[in-house]
Protein backbone atom coordinates (compact mmCIF):
# COMPACT_ATOMS: atom_id res chain seq x y z
CA MET A 1 188.63 -70.89 133.91
CA PRO A 2 189.73 -68.47 136.70
CA SER A 3 191.28 -65.20 135.47
CA LEU A 4 194.36 -65.67 137.66
CA VAL A 5 196.59 -68.68 138.05
CA SER A 6 198.92 -69.75 140.81
CA ILE A 7 202.36 -70.99 139.84
CA ASP A 8 203.52 -74.58 140.56
CA TRP A 9 207.10 -73.47 141.45
CA LEU A 10 208.43 -77.03 141.59
CA ALA A 11 207.20 -77.85 138.21
CA VAL A 12 208.72 -74.59 136.82
CA MET A 13 212.00 -75.18 138.39
CA THR A 14 212.15 -78.79 136.94
CA SER A 15 211.14 -77.41 133.58
CA LEU A 16 213.78 -74.59 133.57
CA LEU A 17 216.54 -77.01 134.83
CA LEU A 18 215.84 -79.26 131.79
CA ALA A 19 215.99 -76.38 129.57
CA ALA A 20 219.29 -75.41 131.02
CA ALA A 21 220.51 -78.97 130.60
CA ASP A 22 220.01 -78.65 126.76
CA GLY A 23 221.42 -75.23 126.46
CA SER A 24 218.26 -73.30 125.79
CA GLN A 25 218.24 -71.44 129.14
CA PRO A 26 221.51 -70.27 130.78
CA ALA A 27 221.97 -71.91 134.25
CA SER A 28 222.82 -68.50 135.70
CA ALA A 29 219.09 -67.52 135.13
CA LEU A 30 217.89 -70.25 137.47
CA THR A 31 217.79 -68.37 140.67
CA PRO A 32 215.66 -70.01 143.40
CA ILE A 33 212.37 -68.15 144.16
CA ASN A 34 212.33 -66.41 147.61
CA GLY A 35 208.81 -65.61 148.69
CA PRO A 36 205.63 -65.53 146.74
CA PRO A 37 205.61 -64.59 143.01
CA PRO A 38 205.47 -60.86 142.30
CA PHE A 39 202.50 -61.16 139.73
CA VAL A 40 200.12 -63.76 138.54
CA VAL A 41 198.84 -63.99 134.94
CA GLY A 42 195.44 -62.41 134.57
CA PRO A 43 193.70 -59.36 133.04
CA GLU A 44 195.07 -57.08 135.71
CA LEU A 45 198.51 -57.34 134.13
CA VAL A 46 197.47 -54.94 131.42
CA ASP A 47 197.69 -51.97 133.77
CA VAL A 48 201.30 -53.08 134.87
CA PRO A 49 204.14 -51.62 132.66
CA VAL A 50 206.12 -54.35 131.11
CA GLU A 51 209.41 -52.94 132.56
CA GLU A 52 207.93 -53.28 136.11
CA ILE A 53 207.11 -56.89 135.52
CA GLU A 54 210.67 -57.58 134.13
CA ARG A 55 212.22 -55.94 137.13
CA ALA A 56 210.06 -57.96 139.39
CA PHE A 57 211.17 -61.16 137.77
CA ALA A 58 214.88 -60.18 137.56
CA GLY A 59 216.90 -63.18 138.97
CA ARG A 60 213.85 -65.29 139.20
CA ILE A 61 212.41 -68.20 137.13
CA VAL A 62 209.85 -66.77 134.81
CA PRO A 63 206.94 -69.18 134.42
CA GLU A 64 205.57 -70.08 131.03
CA ALA A 65 202.41 -68.19 131.24
CA MET A 66 204.26 -64.97 132.25
CA ARG A 67 206.85 -65.60 129.46
CA MET A 68 203.87 -65.79 127.04
CA TYR A 69 202.23 -62.72 128.34
CA LEU A 70 205.41 -60.71 128.05
CA ALA A 71 205.97 -61.97 124.41
CA ILE A 72 202.44 -60.84 123.54
CA ALA A 73 202.83 -57.46 125.39
CA GLN A 74 205.91 -56.64 123.64
CA GLY A 75 204.50 -57.52 120.22
CA GLY A 76 205.75 -61.03 119.57
CA SER A 77 204.42 -62.70 116.58
CA MET A 78 203.57 -66.03 118.28
CA GLY A 79 206.29 -67.93 116.42
CA PRO A 80 208.48 -70.95 117.42
CA GLY A 81 210.62 -70.19 120.43
CA GLN A 82 208.75 -67.14 121.54
CA GLY A 83 206.87 -66.99 124.79
CA TRP A 84 205.93 -70.42 126.08
CA PHE A 85 206.78 -72.21 122.81
CA GLY A 86 209.75 -74.52 123.31
CA PRO A 87 211.15 -78.01 122.85
CA ALA A 88 209.79 -81.24 124.04
CA GLN A 89 210.87 -83.10 127.18
CA SER A 90 211.89 -86.59 126.55
CA ARG A 91 213.37 -89.24 128.61
CA PHE A 92 215.33 -90.43 125.45
CA SER A 93 217.86 -88.90 123.08
CA TRP A 94 220.45 -89.89 120.42
CA ALA A 95 223.01 -90.23 123.37
CA TRP A 96 220.72 -92.87 125.12
CA LEU A 97 220.20 -94.77 121.93
CA ALA A 98 223.88 -94.75 120.86
CA GLU A 99 224.99 -95.91 124.34
CA ARG A 100 222.40 -98.75 124.25
CA HIS A 101 223.79 -99.92 120.87
CA GLY A 102 227.50 -99.42 121.83
CA VAL A 103 228.19 -96.77 119.07
CA ALA A 104 230.01 -93.52 119.32
CA ALA A 105 228.04 -90.15 119.21
CA ASP A 106 229.37 -89.47 115.74
CA GLU A 107 228.50 -93.00 114.29
CA GLY A 108 225.20 -94.50 113.23
CA ILE A 109 223.17 -97.60 113.70
CA ASP A 110 222.30 -99.81 110.90
CA ALA A 111 219.34 -102.23 110.57
CA LYS A 112 221.45 -105.27 111.22
CA SER A 113 222.78 -104.07 114.62
CA PHE A 114 219.52 -102.32 115.74
CA GLN A 115 218.02 -104.01 118.77
CA GLY A 116 214.41 -103.42 118.02
CA ASP A 117 211.85 -104.45 115.37
CA ALA A 118 212.34 -103.46 111.76
CA VAL A 119 209.20 -101.06 111.62
CA TRP A 120 210.94 -99.50 114.77
CA PHE A 121 214.16 -98.85 112.86
CA GLN A 122 212.28 -97.30 110.01
CA ARG A 123 210.59 -94.80 112.22
CA LEU A 124 213.72 -93.75 113.87
CA ASP A 125 215.55 -93.49 110.47
CA ARG A 126 213.79 -90.20 109.71
CA ASN A 127 215.72 -89.32 106.52
CA ARG A 128 215.46 -93.00 105.23
CA ASP A 129 219.05 -93.44 104.46
CA GLY A 130 219.38 -96.69 106.12
CA LEU A 131 221.23 -95.52 109.15
CA ILE A 132 219.90 -94.08 112.44
CA ALA A 133 222.09 -91.03 113.38
CA ALA A 134 221.88 -88.03 115.68
CA GLU A 135 220.32 -85.95 112.92
CA ASP A 136 217.35 -88.27 112.71
CA LEU A 137 216.48 -87.51 116.30
CA ASP A 138 216.97 -83.77 116.15
CA TRP A 139 213.62 -82.10 116.25
CA SER A 140 214.70 -78.61 117.27
CA GLU A 141 213.27 -75.61 115.39
CA ARG A 142 216.76 -74.79 113.90
CA HIS A 143 216.97 -78.18 112.11
CA PRO A 144 216.27 -77.92 108.31
CA TRP A 145 214.20 -81.00 108.22
CA VAL A 146 211.84 -79.49 110.94
CA GLN A 147 211.74 -76.20 109.03
CA HIS A 148 210.94 -77.95 105.69
CA ALA A 149 208.31 -80.04 107.38
CA TYR A 150 206.52 -76.73 108.62
CA LEU A 151 206.60 -75.37 105.07
CA VAL A 152 205.09 -78.57 103.64
CA ASN A 153 202.37 -78.51 106.31
CA ARG A 154 201.40 -74.89 105.60
CA LEU A 155 201.43 -75.45 101.73
CA PHE A 156 199.43 -78.55 102.18
CA ARG A 157 196.75 -76.67 104.16
CA ARG A 158 196.23 -74.43 101.21
CA MET A 159 195.34 -77.45 98.97
CA ASP A 160 193.02 -79.13 101.64
CA PRO A 161 189.54 -77.89 100.72
CA ASN A 162 187.69 -79.33 103.83
CA GLY A 163 190.51 -79.00 106.48
CA ASP A 164 190.53 -82.70 107.34
CA GLY A 165 194.23 -83.15 106.82
CA GLN A 166 193.91 -85.43 103.90
CA LEU A 167 193.96 -85.08 100.12
CA SER A 168 191.81 -87.33 97.85
CA ARG A 169 192.83 -87.95 94.36
CA GLU A 170 189.93 -85.70 93.28
CA GLU A 171 191.01 -82.95 95.53
CA TRP A 172 194.64 -83.15 94.36
CA LEU A 173 193.47 -83.02 90.66
CA LYS A 174 191.27 -80.05 91.44
CA PHE A 175 194.23 -78.13 92.72
CA PHE A 176 196.30 -79.10 89.69
CA ASP A 177 193.53 -77.82 87.41
CA GLU A 178 193.22 -74.50 89.24
CA ALA A 179 196.92 -73.92 89.53
CA SER A 180 197.49 -74.84 85.76
CA GLY A 181 194.61 -72.87 84.47
CA GLY A 182 193.10 -75.91 82.97
CA GLU A 183 196.16 -76.91 81.02
CA ASP A 184 197.76 -80.41 80.90
CA ILE A 185 200.89 -79.14 82.54
CA VAL A 186 201.69 -76.87 85.50
CA THR A 187 204.82 -75.03 86.13
CA SER A 188 206.72 -74.28 89.37
CA GLU A 189 205.72 -70.57 89.06
CA GLN A 190 202.02 -71.60 88.85
CA ILE A 191 202.22 -73.70 91.77
CA ARG A 192 204.05 -70.96 93.65
CA ASP A 193 201.35 -68.49 92.89
CA ALA A 194 198.54 -70.84 93.93
CA TRP A 195 200.25 -71.57 97.20
CA LEU A 196 201.27 -68.13 98.09
CA ALA A 197 198.28 -66.12 96.93
CA GLY A 198 197.42 -63.62 99.56
CA ILE A 199 200.24 -64.52 102.07
CA SER A 200 201.90 -61.39 103.31
CA SER A 201 203.08 -62.62 106.84
CA SER A 202 203.53 -65.74 108.72
CA TYR A 203 199.61 -66.08 108.82
CA TYR A 204 197.18 -67.10 106.25
CA PRO A 205 195.07 -64.11 104.90
CA GLY A 206 192.60 -63.09 107.58
CA ASP A 207 194.24 -65.03 110.38
CA ALA A 208 196.56 -62.64 111.92
CA PRO A 209 195.47 -61.55 115.51
CA THR A 210 195.34 -58.26 117.25
CA LYS A 211 197.24 -57.98 120.54
CA GLY A 212 193.88 -57.60 122.16
CA GLN A 213 192.76 -61.07 120.73
CA LEU A 214 196.03 -62.69 121.89
CA LEU A 215 195.63 -61.25 125.35
CA ALA A 216 192.03 -62.24 125.76
CA GLY A 217 192.91 -65.80 124.37
CA LEU A 218 195.71 -66.12 126.74
CA PHE A 219 193.71 -65.18 129.83
CA SER A 220 190.80 -67.55 128.74
CA GLY A 221 192.96 -70.37 127.99
CA GLU A 222 192.14 -70.44 124.28
CA VAL A 223 195.77 -69.97 123.08
CA GLY A 224 196.99 -72.47 125.70
CA SER A 225 196.73 -73.44 129.33
CA LEU A 226 198.04 -71.17 131.99
CA GLN A 227 199.13 -74.16 133.74
CA GLU A 228 202.27 -76.18 132.75
CA GLY A 229 201.24 -79.79 133.15
CA PRO A 230 203.43 -82.63 134.54
CA SER A 231 207.08 -82.59 133.85
CA LEU A 232 209.33 -85.44 132.57
CA ASN A 233 209.16 -88.59 134.81
CA ASP A 234 206.22 -87.13 136.91
CA PRO A 235 203.24 -89.40 137.54
CA ALA A 236 200.58 -88.76 134.74
CA PRO A 237 197.48 -87.08 136.25
CA ASP A 238 194.65 -89.41 136.37
CA PHE A 239 191.22 -88.70 134.78
CA VAL A 240 187.85 -90.19 134.01
CA LEU A 241 186.41 -88.89 130.70
CA LYS A 242 183.47 -89.98 128.49
CA THR A 243 183.94 -90.85 124.81
CA HIS A 244 182.41 -88.38 122.25
CA ASP A 245 179.31 -90.54 121.85
CA GLY A 246 178.76 -90.92 125.58
CA ARG A 247 178.74 -94.68 125.37
CA GLN A 248 181.85 -95.17 127.48
CA ALA A 249 183.86 -93.75 130.25
CA ILE A 250 187.65 -94.32 130.17
CA CYS A 251 189.88 -94.07 133.30
CA LEU A 252 193.50 -93.47 132.50
CA SER A 253 194.83 -95.33 135.48
CA GLU A 254 192.92 -98.36 134.22
CA GLN A 255 194.79 -98.14 130.88
CA ILE A 256 198.34 -98.14 132.54
CA GLY A 257 200.24 -101.25 132.96
CA ARG A 258 201.71 -103.61 130.29
CA LYS A 259 201.71 -100.96 127.46
CA PRO A 260 202.63 -97.28 127.10
CA VAL A 261 199.77 -94.85 126.63
CA VAL A 262 199.82 -92.05 124.06
CA LEU A 263 197.63 -89.09 124.88
CA VAL A 264 196.60 -86.78 122.02
CA PHE A 265 195.09 -83.34 122.91
CA GLY A 266 193.44 -81.33 120.35
CA ASN A 267 190.31 -79.29 119.22
CA PHE A 268 188.28 -78.68 116.13
CA THR A 269 189.21 -75.03 115.58
CA CYS A 270 193.02 -75.50 115.67
CA GLY A 271 193.90 -75.83 111.98
CA PRO A 272 197.41 -77.27 112.46
CA PHE A 273 195.94 -79.94 114.80
CA ARG A 274 193.39 -80.93 112.05
CA SER A 275 196.22 -81.07 109.38
CA MET A 276 198.52 -83.05 111.51
CA TYR A 277 196.16 -85.44 113.12
CA PRO A 278 196.26 -88.02 110.26
CA GLY A 279 199.90 -88.53 111.39
CA VAL A 280 198.54 -89.60 114.67
CA GLU A 281 196.33 -92.13 112.88
CA ASP A 282 199.32 -93.52 111.02
CA VAL A 283 201.24 -94.11 114.36
CA SER A 284 198.31 -95.70 116.00
CA ARG A 285 197.87 -98.12 113.08
CA ARG A 286 201.67 -98.99 113.34
CA PHE A 287 201.60 -99.47 116.96
CA LYS A 288 198.06 -100.52 117.84
CA GLU A 289 199.31 -103.67 119.43
CA ASP A 290 202.13 -102.09 121.39
CA ALA A 291 200.51 -99.07 122.91
CA VAL A 292 197.11 -97.50 123.99
CA PHE A 293 195.95 -94.28 122.08
CA LEU A 294 193.62 -91.83 123.67
CA GLY A 295 192.48 -88.62 122.24
CA VAL A 296 191.39 -85.80 124.58
CA TYR A 297 189.06 -83.00 123.23
CA VAL A 298 189.96 -79.66 124.80
CA ARG A 299 188.76 -75.94 124.65
CA GLU A 300 188.50 -74.41 121.29
CA ALA A 301 191.54 -72.41 120.02
CA HIS A 302 189.82 -70.19 117.39
CA PRO A 303 186.11 -69.92 117.91
CA THR A 304 184.20 -67.23 116.14
CA ASP A 305 183.65 -65.29 119.37
CA GLY A 306 187.43 -65.35 119.99
CA TRP A 307 190.60 -65.26 117.75
CA LYS A 308 188.58 -66.20 114.68
CA MET A 309 190.49 -67.42 111.70
CA GLU A 310 189.38 -66.93 108.17
CA SER A 311 191.31 -70.10 107.08
CA ASN A 312 188.73 -72.09 109.38
CA ALA A 313 185.79 -70.26 107.80
CA ARG A 314 187.08 -71.22 104.30
CA VAL A 315 186.71 -74.86 105.13
CA GLY A 316 183.50 -74.63 107.08
CA VAL A 317 184.75 -74.78 110.63
CA THR A 318 182.93 -71.96 112.29
CA VAL A 319 181.84 -72.59 115.95
CA THR A 320 181.50 -70.46 118.95
CA GLN A 321 183.31 -71.34 122.18
CA PRO A 322 181.14 -74.00 124.02
CA LYS A 323 179.52 -72.60 127.25
CA ASN A 324 178.57 -75.93 128.73
CA TYR A 325 179.52 -79.73 128.38
CA ALA A 326 176.58 -80.36 125.94
CA GLU A 327 177.80 -77.78 123.61
CA ARG A 328 181.38 -79.04 123.82
CA VAL A 329 180.07 -82.61 122.93
CA ASP A 330 178.33 -81.31 119.89
CA VAL A 331 181.50 -79.51 118.67
CA ALA A 332 183.57 -82.61 119.49
CA GLN A 333 181.21 -84.79 117.41
CA GLN A 334 181.64 -82.40 114.44
CA CYS A 335 185.37 -82.85 114.73
CA HIS A 336 184.94 -86.58 115.03
CA ARG A 337 182.84 -86.73 111.75
CA LEU A 338 185.57 -84.66 110.05
CA LEU A 339 188.77 -86.48 111.27
CA LYS A 340 187.12 -89.90 111.62
CA PRO A 341 189.56 -90.97 114.37
CA SER A 342 189.94 -94.70 115.04
CA ILE A 343 191.21 -94.05 118.61
CA PRO A 344 188.71 -93.13 121.43
CA LEU A 345 187.95 -89.39 121.55
CA LEU A 346 187.41 -88.36 125.16
CA ILE A 347 185.81 -85.02 125.91
CA ASP A 348 187.13 -82.84 128.68
CA ASP A 349 184.72 -81.26 131.09
CA ILE A 350 183.70 -77.61 130.58
CA HIS A 351 186.07 -76.48 133.30
CA ASP A 352 189.02 -77.91 131.40
CA SER A 353 190.08 -79.96 134.27
CA THR A 354 192.18 -82.44 132.15
CA GLY A 355 193.33 -79.85 129.59
CA ASN A 356 194.77 -77.81 132.49
CA ALA A 357 196.35 -80.83 134.27
CA TYR A 358 198.27 -81.70 131.25
CA SER A 359 198.50 -78.21 129.68
CA GLY A 360 196.98 -79.71 126.64
CA MET A 361 195.42 -76.61 124.93
CA PRO A 362 195.35 -76.17 122.07
CA ALA A 363 197.25 -79.42 121.13
CA ARG A 364 199.79 -81.54 122.76
CA LEU A 365 201.10 -85.06 122.80
CA TYR A 366 202.33 -87.37 125.60
CA VAL A 367 203.84 -90.84 125.95
CA ILE A 368 203.20 -92.38 129.37
CA ASP A 369 205.28 -95.34 130.30
CA SER A 370 203.88 -98.65 131.68
CA ALA A 371 204.64 -97.37 135.13
CA GLY A 372 202.28 -94.33 134.66
CA ARG A 373 205.02 -91.69 134.42
CA VAL A 374 205.65 -89.10 131.71
CA ALA A 375 208.31 -90.42 129.31
CA TYR A 376 207.69 -87.72 126.61
CA LYS A 377 205.97 -84.36 126.68
CA SER A 378 205.78 -82.42 123.34
CA GLY A 379 206.17 -78.81 123.23
CA ARG A 380 202.96 -76.73 123.23
CA GLY A 381 201.04 -76.85 120.09
CA PRO A 382 200.79 -75.84 117.32
CA PHE A 383 204.63 -75.73 116.80
CA GLY A 384 205.36 -78.64 119.36
CA PHE A 385 202.77 -81.01 117.98
CA LYS A 386 205.20 -83.19 115.99
CA THR A 387 203.83 -86.66 115.38
CA GLY A 388 207.07 -88.02 114.32
CA GLU A 389 208.86 -86.86 117.38
CA MET A 390 206.17 -88.49 119.50
CA GLU A 391 206.54 -91.72 117.52
CA GLN A 392 210.19 -91.88 118.01
CA ALA A 393 209.78 -91.41 121.81
CA LEU A 394 207.20 -94.24 121.74
CA VAL A 395 209.61 -96.47 119.85
CA MET A 396 212.35 -95.77 122.44
CA THR A 397 210.02 -96.21 125.29
CA LEU A 398 209.12 -99.72 123.88
CA LEU A 399 212.88 -100.40 123.26
CA SER A 400 213.68 -99.47 126.82
CA GLN A 401 211.38 -102.25 128.08
CA ARG A 402 213.31 -104.95 126.24
CA PRO A 403 216.48 -106.58 127.65
CA THR A 404 219.62 -105.26 126.06
CA LYS A 405 221.22 -107.71 123.53
CA PRO A 406 224.94 -108.44 123.67
CA ILE A 407 226.78 -106.10 121.41
CA ASP A 408 229.20 -107.57 118.92
CA LYS A 409 232.60 -105.88 118.79
């Protein structure tokens, strides 16, 4: 990947305008750009005082890559909402769904009045109370359900001995025996101690990066693409990629038509991707007749020669960053053997052409409608990789393709 990146200012403007629309960015900050950008993101930035960069971008739209650089340079902890980590873009919302069903914003939709299939209703009714309401479609970082889901995933990963995102009965009982000290009962304090052993920050033991590692990962594209990818309603960039076994080449444009397409970006060394990937499999099983699902394998997030994570080493995931396509294929095949995806796993070229076109590193989700345009773009992984949010966007994409039924008053 080149060390410098040019800025697609139209894409940036669209992204920031969408952010302003949902209140996450003040409209007053959206001053049009006059002239070329004052800086581009690359290793040369480390010699520029942060204050000088901030002054140069005063009154300008700050592109995602620059926001991420500034967050790292100022000691940010790579948490939700920091740098380039932000909300998804979706064509659909509670307001859209409520209007389609003729209900007020503070009302709900029950199963009888829902205009889609029963399984669709179940997936939109996130809290399983028999009523779809605004709360069920709120995936913002501030929502308690989302925060609890993060915690559950982090604790689950402490119990997952091989990092495949699944627990067998044997693995579950082994954790029970270890937490209980071999007794027939286990207390909440014992489970607490087993889950939280060694954790002193937001990272697992041995995973916290140095600022140097974060900057190197930013410039190399390991912590995420410096590009921003297509915005909502943009045409989906086309690609032709081979499957992990080399037996087939799949062209995206040939898949677009009657069914929506779900794109799943990820890599072997991204622990959150591995732990959350089984959720993608659940969605693909439920909607295999309604949508096309494609996995795209991208650049490693935590190779042993980059931001190495001890949590990976503990589950046997130790690979260097592939230097050529054959090496990437080898690592992708290791990932395939572990996760056993039922959907095609396509391998990006070593220049990260597709990963950059979609800003897919280290993990991301898209829903492409039957016209080939972006209906849903998740936030950047790992925080934005929310399979439930993607599934709801897919459901509403399918619902939008059906004629509206008369609403009984």
